[in-house]
Amino acid sequence: MRGLTSIEDMTKKEGELCLGVLSGIHWKTSPDIWEKLEEGFELIPEKLRLRIFTEEDREKFTSISPSFELKLMRGQENITVLELKDTSTDELFGKEFNPLTKTLLAFRLLKAGGIFIDNIYAIEHGKLGRIIPPSEPDFLPEYEFSLDEINNLVAILNKVKTVDFDKHSSFRMACTRFGRSYLDRFYEDKLVDLCIAFEALLLKGEYKKSDIGMGQVIGLACSMLLGKNNDERKMIKENIELAFRRRNDVVHGKDFDFDQIYTLIPNFEDYLRRSIFHLIL
């Protein structure tokens, strides 16, 4: 997050309401979807709810600060938000992985797609503020989501909630780089971030140069973690080794094959996604 704007006296105080606006999410339609979303779904009991932005929200926010009316996207409908209750600003700013960012991680571990927290609006002691996250890339495929996937999302979030990110720094680094890869505008940068995430997740700083290259070590480890049979393990290992070779070309300033990197990224990212999920502590 970049920080807080247009707000006063929000340090170390309990928040009344915080809304994280989700962008990139595309709901698979059903006859009653918006009615159900207006009521919302509890992702963390009595703490965090997934729902849509309502006219009641708009009236409440703009009554506190009319200048925020345009920023609250007046006239647009079906804006999906994460409603976070009774949260201190220390919880939002003091830790990289707070309830909102943990939920975003859970969405991304569930499946691929360009989902982001676009803005965060907070009301605290009668004052309104806005947190501006980093900018999104120009283009990523939409994150398609349906009501049928709520339970799977909650199950993943429950696992993410158990992680002590402060204690497990290598796991935190893996998740941080995984998240940062969503913000990369160039595929070679995305490849580098994904490789760093793999290194943190599977090597934990213990790799020492030998006759076996880093890509081979990670490829072997990941193939054993994810592969269901010898053929699948071989394919995973070969793809990861190739991705690390292309990463080396990028970071050492060699000419690299953009088309090959573009082709490698989807499976490489999926291997990382599944590995993080399998290794949640």
Protein backbone atom coordinates (compact mmCIF):
# COMPACT_ATOMS: atom_id res chain seq x y z
CA MET A 1 0.00 0.00 0.00
CA ARG A 2 1.24 3.50 -0.75
CA GLY A 3 -0.26 5.12 2.30
CA LEU A 4 -3.21 7.07 3.59
CA THR A 5 -4.56 10.28 2.08
CA SER A 6 -7.12 12.87 3.18
CA ILE A 7 -7.54 11.68 6.72
CA GLU A 8 -6.82 12.93 10.24
CA ASP A 9 -6.15 11.33 13.60
CA MET A 10 -6.18 7.70 12.42
CA THR A 11 -3.20 6.35 14.32
CA LYS A 12 -3.72 3.58 16.86
CA LYS A 13 -7.53 3.91 17.02
CA GLU A 14 -10.23 1.38 16.43
CA GLY A 15 -11.89 1.71 13.04
CA GLU A 16 -15.64 1.84 12.57
CA LEU A 17 -15.65 0.53 9.00
CA CYS A 18 -13.22 -0.26 6.22
CA LEU A 19 -14.13 -1.14 2.63
CA GLY A 20 -11.60 -2.62 0.22
CA VAL A 21 -12.82 -2.21 -3.37
CA LEU A 22 -12.03 -5.26 -5.50
CA SER A 23 -11.19 -4.74 -9.16
CA GLY A 24 -10.80 -7.35 -11.89
CA ILE A 25 -13.42 -9.66 -10.39
CA HIS A 26 -16.09 -10.80 -12.84
CA TRP A 27 -19.09 -12.56 -11.32
CA LYS A 28 -20.56 -15.47 -13.24
CA THR A 29 -24.18 -14.45 -13.43
CA SER A 30 -27.14 -16.19 -11.84
CA PRO A 31 -30.72 -14.90 -11.38
CA ASP A 32 -30.30 -13.93 -7.72
CA ILE A 33 -26.58 -13.14 -7.57
CA TRP A 34 -26.84 -9.40 -6.86
CA GLU A 35 -29.54 -9.90 -4.24
CA LYS A 36 -27.32 -12.39 -2.42
CA LEU A 37 -24.27 -10.15 -2.79
CA GLU A 38 -26.06 -7.17 -1.33
CA GLU A 39 -26.54 -9.21 1.84
CA GLY A 40 -23.00 -10.53 1.49
CA PHE A 41 -21.01 -13.56 2.64
CA GLU A 42 -18.96 -13.78 5.82
CA LEU A 43 -15.40 -14.79 5.01
CA ILE A 44 -14.23 -14.25 8.59
CA PRO A 45 -17.11 -14.43 11.09
CA GLU A 46 -18.08 -11.00 12.48
CA LYS A 47 -14.92 -9.55 10.91
CA LEU A 48 -14.84 -9.67 7.12
CA ARG A 49 -17.67 -9.82 4.59
CA LEU A 50 -17.66 -10.08 0.79
CA ARG A 51 -20.52 -8.04 -0.69
CA ILE A 52 -21.38 -5.29 -3.15
CA PHE A 53 -21.16 -1.55 -2.53
CA THR A 54 -24.64 -0.22 -1.70
CA GLU A 55 -26.40 3.10 -1.90
CA GLU A 56 -26.42 3.09 1.89
CA ASP A 57 -22.61 2.92 1.81
CA ARG A 58 -22.47 5.81 -0.62
CA GLU A 59 -24.75 7.95 1.53
CA LYS A 60 -22.76 7.17 4.66
CA PHE A 61 -19.39 7.91 3.08
CA THR A 62 -20.40 11.06 1.27
CA SER A 63 -22.23 12.44 4.30
CA ILE A 64 -18.87 12.39 6.08
CA SER A 65 -16.87 13.76 3.16
CA PRO A 66 -18.77 15.04 0.07
CA SER A 67 -15.47 15.53 -1.77
CA PHE A 68 -15.08 11.73 -1.89
CA GLU A 69 -18.25 11.29 -3.91
CA LEU A 70 -16.52 10.94 -7.29
CA LYS A 71 -13.85 8.67 -5.87
CA LEU A 72 -16.60 6.36 -4.69
CA MET A 73 -17.55 5.78 -8.33
CA ARG A 74 -20.98 7.38 -8.37
CA GLY A 75 -23.25 5.90 -10.99
CA GLN A 76 -21.47 2.56 -11.23
CA GLU A 77 -23.27 -0.52 -9.97
CA ASN A 78 -22.28 -3.90 -8.62
CA ILE A 79 -18.93 -2.82 -7.18
CA THR A 80 -17.57 -5.72 -5.12
CA VAL A 81 -16.06 -4.84 -1.75
CA LEU A 82 -14.49 -6.50 1.26
CA GLU A 83 -16.12 -5.03 4.38
CA LEU A 84 -13.75 -5.11 7.34
CA LYS A 85 -15.08 -4.20 10.79
CA ASP A 86 -13.45 -2.97 13.99
CA THR A 87 -9.92 -2.85 12.66
CA SER A 88 -7.21 -0.57 13.97
CA THR A 89 -4.99 1.33 11.58
CA ASP A 90 -2.05 -0.54 13.08
CA GLU A 91 -3.61 -3.71 11.68
CA LEU A 92 -3.87 -2.15 8.23
CA PHE A 93 -0.52 -0.35 8.09
CA GLY A 94 1.64 -2.19 10.57
CA LYS A 95 1.67 -5.51 8.77
CA GLU A 96 2.00 -6.42 5.13
CA PHE A 97 -0.46 -9.27 5.57
CA ASN A 98 -3.57 -7.89 7.24
CA PRO A 99 -7.12 -9.32 6.86
CA LEU A 100 -7.61 -7.59 3.49
CA THR A 101 -4.29 -8.62 1.97
CA LYS A 102 -4.66 -12.15 3.34
CA THR A 103 -8.03 -12.35 1.61
CA LEU A 104 -6.51 -11.10 -1.64
CA LEU A 105 -3.83 -13.80 -1.31
CA ALA A 106 -6.57 -16.41 -0.78
CA PHE A 107 -8.34 -15.29 -3.98
CA ARG A 108 -5.06 -15.60 -5.89
CA LEU A 109 -4.25 -19.00 -4.42
CA LEU A 110 -7.68 -20.24 -5.43
CA LYS A 111 -7.01 -19.65 -9.13
CA ALA A 112 -5.44 -17.36 -11.71
CA GLY A 113 -6.85 -14.02 -12.80
CA GLY A 114 -6.14 -10.33 -12.39
CA ILE A 115 -7.82 -9.54 -9.06
CA PHE A 116 -6.71 -6.49 -7.02
CA ILE A 117 -7.74 -4.27 -4.14
CA ASP A 118 -8.27 -1.02 -6.01
CA ASN A 119 -8.85 1.38 -3.09
CA ILE A 120 -9.43 1.07 0.63
CA TYR A 121 -11.84 3.48 2.31
CA ALA A 122 -11.84 3.74 6.09
CA ILE A 123 -14.14 5.53 8.54
CA GLU A 124 -12.69 6.14 11.96
CA HIS A 125 -14.06 8.42 14.64
CA GLY A 126 -16.22 10.23 12.14
CA LYS A 127 -13.43 10.87 9.65
CA LEU A 128 -12.96 9.30 6.24
CA GLY A 129 -9.70 8.33 4.57
CA ARG A 130 -8.52 6.48 1.51
CA ILE A 131 -5.60 4.10 1.15
CA ILE A 132 -4.20 3.89 -2.38
CA PRO A 133 -2.60 0.53 -3.28
CA PRO A 134 0.04 0.24 -6.03
CA SER A 135 -1.12 0.70 -9.61
CA GLU A 136 -2.32 -2.30 -11.59
CA PRO A 137 -0.85 -3.38 -14.95
CA ASP A 138 -2.59 -2.28 -18.14
CA PHE A 139 -4.02 -5.72 -18.84
CA LEU A 140 -4.62 -9.02 -17.09
CA PRO A 141 -7.36 -11.60 -17.70
CA GLU A 142 -10.44 -11.04 -15.53
CA TYR A 143 -10.86 -13.07 -12.37
CA GLU A 144 -14.01 -15.09 -12.94
CA PHE A 145 -15.79 -15.98 -9.73
CA SER A 146 -19.09 -17.58 -8.78
CA LEU A 147 -21.12 -18.08 -5.63
CA ASP A 148 -20.27 -21.79 -5.79
CA GLU A 149 -16.63 -20.93 -5.05
CA ILE A 150 -17.25 -19.06 -1.79
CA ASN A 151 -16.69 -22.15 0.38
CA ASN A 152 -13.41 -22.96 -1.37
CA LEU A 153 -12.26 -19.36 -0.88
CA VAL A 154 -13.12 -19.49 2.83
CA ALA A 155 -11.26 -22.79 3.22
CA ILE A 156 -8.10 -21.28 1.70
CA LEU A 157 -8.46 -18.09 3.75
CA ASN A 158 -8.75 -20.17 6.92
CA LYS A 159 -5.41 -21.77 6.06
CA VAL A 160 -3.79 -18.42 5.23
CA LYS A 161 -5.00 -17.02 8.57
CA THR A 162 -2.98 -19.68 10.42
CA VAL A 163 0.33 -18.45 8.98
CA ASP A 164 2.54 -16.32 11.22
CA PHE A 165 4.13 -14.26 8.46
CA ASP A 166 6.40 -12.45 10.93
CA LYS A 167 7.86 -15.72 12.17
CA HIS A 168 8.18 -17.46 8.79
CA SER A 169 10.09 -14.88 6.76
CA SER A 170 10.85 -17.16 3.80
CA PHE A 171 7.16 -17.97 3.38
CA ARG A 172 6.33 -14.28 3.69
CA MET A 173 8.86 -13.45 0.97
CA ALA A 174 7.39 -16.13 -1.30
CA CYS A 175 3.88 -14.72 -0.88
CA THR A 176 5.10 -11.14 -1.25
CA ARG A 177 6.87 -11.85 -4.54
CA PHE A 178 3.91 -13.90 -5.75
CA GLY A 179 1.68 -10.89 -5.09
CA ARG A 180 4.17 -8.45 -6.61
CA SER A 181 4.22 -10.48 -9.83
CA TYR A 182 0.61 -9.38 -10.41
CA LEU A 183 1.83 -5.78 -10.66
CA ASP A 184 4.61 -6.41 -13.18
CA ARG A 185 3.97 -4.84 -16.57
CA PHE A 186 6.59 -6.90 -18.40
CA TYR A 187 6.69 -10.67 -18.52
CA GLU A 188 10.43 -10.82 -17.89
CA ASP A 189 9.91 -8.92 -14.63
CA LYS A 190 7.09 -11.27 -13.71
CA LEU A 191 9.38 -14.23 -14.35
CA VAL A 192 12.05 -12.80 -12.04
CA ASP A 193 9.53 -12.22 -9.24
CA LEU A 194 8.13 -15.73 -9.57
CA CYS A 195 11.63 -17.22 -9.47
CA ILE A 196 12.49 -15.27 -6.31
CA ALA A 197 9.26 -16.53 -4.76
CA PHE A 198 10.20 -20.11 -5.62
CA GLU A 199 13.67 -19.65 -4.13
CA ALA A 200 12.25 -18.30 -0.87
CA LEU A 201 9.57 -20.98 -0.67
CA LEU A 202 11.58 -24.09 -1.47
CA LEU A 203 15.19 -23.16 -0.63
CA LYS A 204 14.69 -20.80 2.34
CA GLY A 205 18.14 -19.32 1.83
CA GLU A 206 19.87 -22.68 2.12
CA TYR A 207 20.94 -23.11 -1.50
CA LYS A 208 24.67 -23.50 -2.09
CA LYS A 209 26.15 -23.55 -5.54
CA SER A 210 27.11 -26.99 -6.76
CA ASP A 211 27.09 -29.03 -9.91
CA ILE A 212 23.29 -28.93 -9.66
CA GLY A 213 21.88 -25.56 -10.67
CA MET A 214 19.23 -23.69 -8.70
CA GLY A 215 16.60 -24.35 -11.35
CA GLN A 216 17.32 -28.07 -11.18
CA VAL A 217 17.04 -28.12 -7.38
CA ILE A 218 13.76 -26.19 -7.38
CA GLY A 219 12.45 -28.16 -10.34
CA LEU A 220 13.11 -31.44 -8.56
CA ALA A 221 11.59 -30.22 -5.29
CA CYS A 222 8.47 -28.84 -6.97
CA SER A 223 8.00 -31.91 -9.15
CA MET A 224 8.06 -34.14 -6.07
CA LEU A 225 5.60 -31.84 -4.29
CA LEU A 226 3.06 -31.52 -7.11
CA GLY A 227 3.58 -34.36 -9.57
CA LYS A 228 1.09 -37.24 -9.45
CA ASN A 229 3.18 -39.61 -11.58
CA ASN A 230 6.58 -39.84 -13.23
CA ASP A 231 5.47 -38.23 -16.47
CA GLU A 232 3.94 -35.24 -14.67
CA ARG A 233 6.97 -34.88 -12.39
CA LYS A 234 9.28 -34.90 -15.41
CA MET A 235 7.22 -32.22 -17.17
CA ILE A 236 7.15 -29.96 -14.08
CA LYS A 237 10.89 -30.34 -13.54
CA GLU A 238 11.75 -29.56 -17.18
CA ASN A 239 9.45 -26.51 -17.32
CA ILE A 240 10.89 -25.06 -14.12
CA GLU A 241 14.47 -25.64 -15.23
CA LEU A 242 13.74 -23.89 -18.52
CA ALA A 243 12.06 -20.97 -16.73
CA PHE A 244 15.12 -20.50 -14.50
CA ARG A 245 17.43 -20.57 -17.52
CA ARG A 246 15.37 -17.79 -19.10
CA ARG A 247 15.45 -15.91 -15.79
CA ASN A 248 19.23 -16.11 -15.83
CA ASP A 249 19.27 -14.67 -19.35
CA VAL A 250 17.18 -11.72 -18.16
CA VAL A 251 19.12 -10.88 -15.00
CA HIS A 252 22.53 -11.30 -16.70
CA GLY A 253 21.62 -9.00 -19.57
CA LYS A 254 21.61 -11.65 -22.27
CA ASP A 255 19.23 -11.62 -25.20
CA PHE A 256 16.10 -13.53 -24.25
CA ASP A 257 13.21 -15.06 -26.11
CA PHE A 258 10.15 -13.02 -25.10
CA ASP A 259 7.71 -15.42 -26.75
CA GLN A 260 9.16 -18.34 -24.82
CA ILE A 261 8.89 -16.46 -21.51
CA TYR A 262 5.30 -15.50 -22.36
CA THR A 263 4.53 -19.17 -23.02
CA LEU A 264 6.24 -20.36 -19.83
CA ILE A 265 4.59 -17.95 -17.39
CA PRO A 266 1.07 -19.50 -16.97
CA ASN A 267 2.29 -22.97 -15.92
CA PHE A 268 5.21 -21.57 -13.94
CA GLU A 269 2.88 -19.29 -11.99
CA ASP A 270 0.45 -22.16 -11.42
CA TYR A 271 3.24 -24.35 -10.03
CA LEU A 272 4.10 -21.59 -7.57
CA ARG A 273 0.45 -21.05 -6.63
CA ARG A 274 -0.06 -24.73 -5.90
CA SER A 275 3.26 -25.01 -4.05
CA ILE A 276 2.40 -22.10 -1.73
CA PHE A 277 -0.97 -23.66 -1.02
CA HIS A 278 0.57 -27.08 -0.27
CA LEU A 279 3.17 -25.57 2.06
CA ILE A 280 0.95 -23.24 4.08
CA LEU A 281 2.18 -23.80 7.61
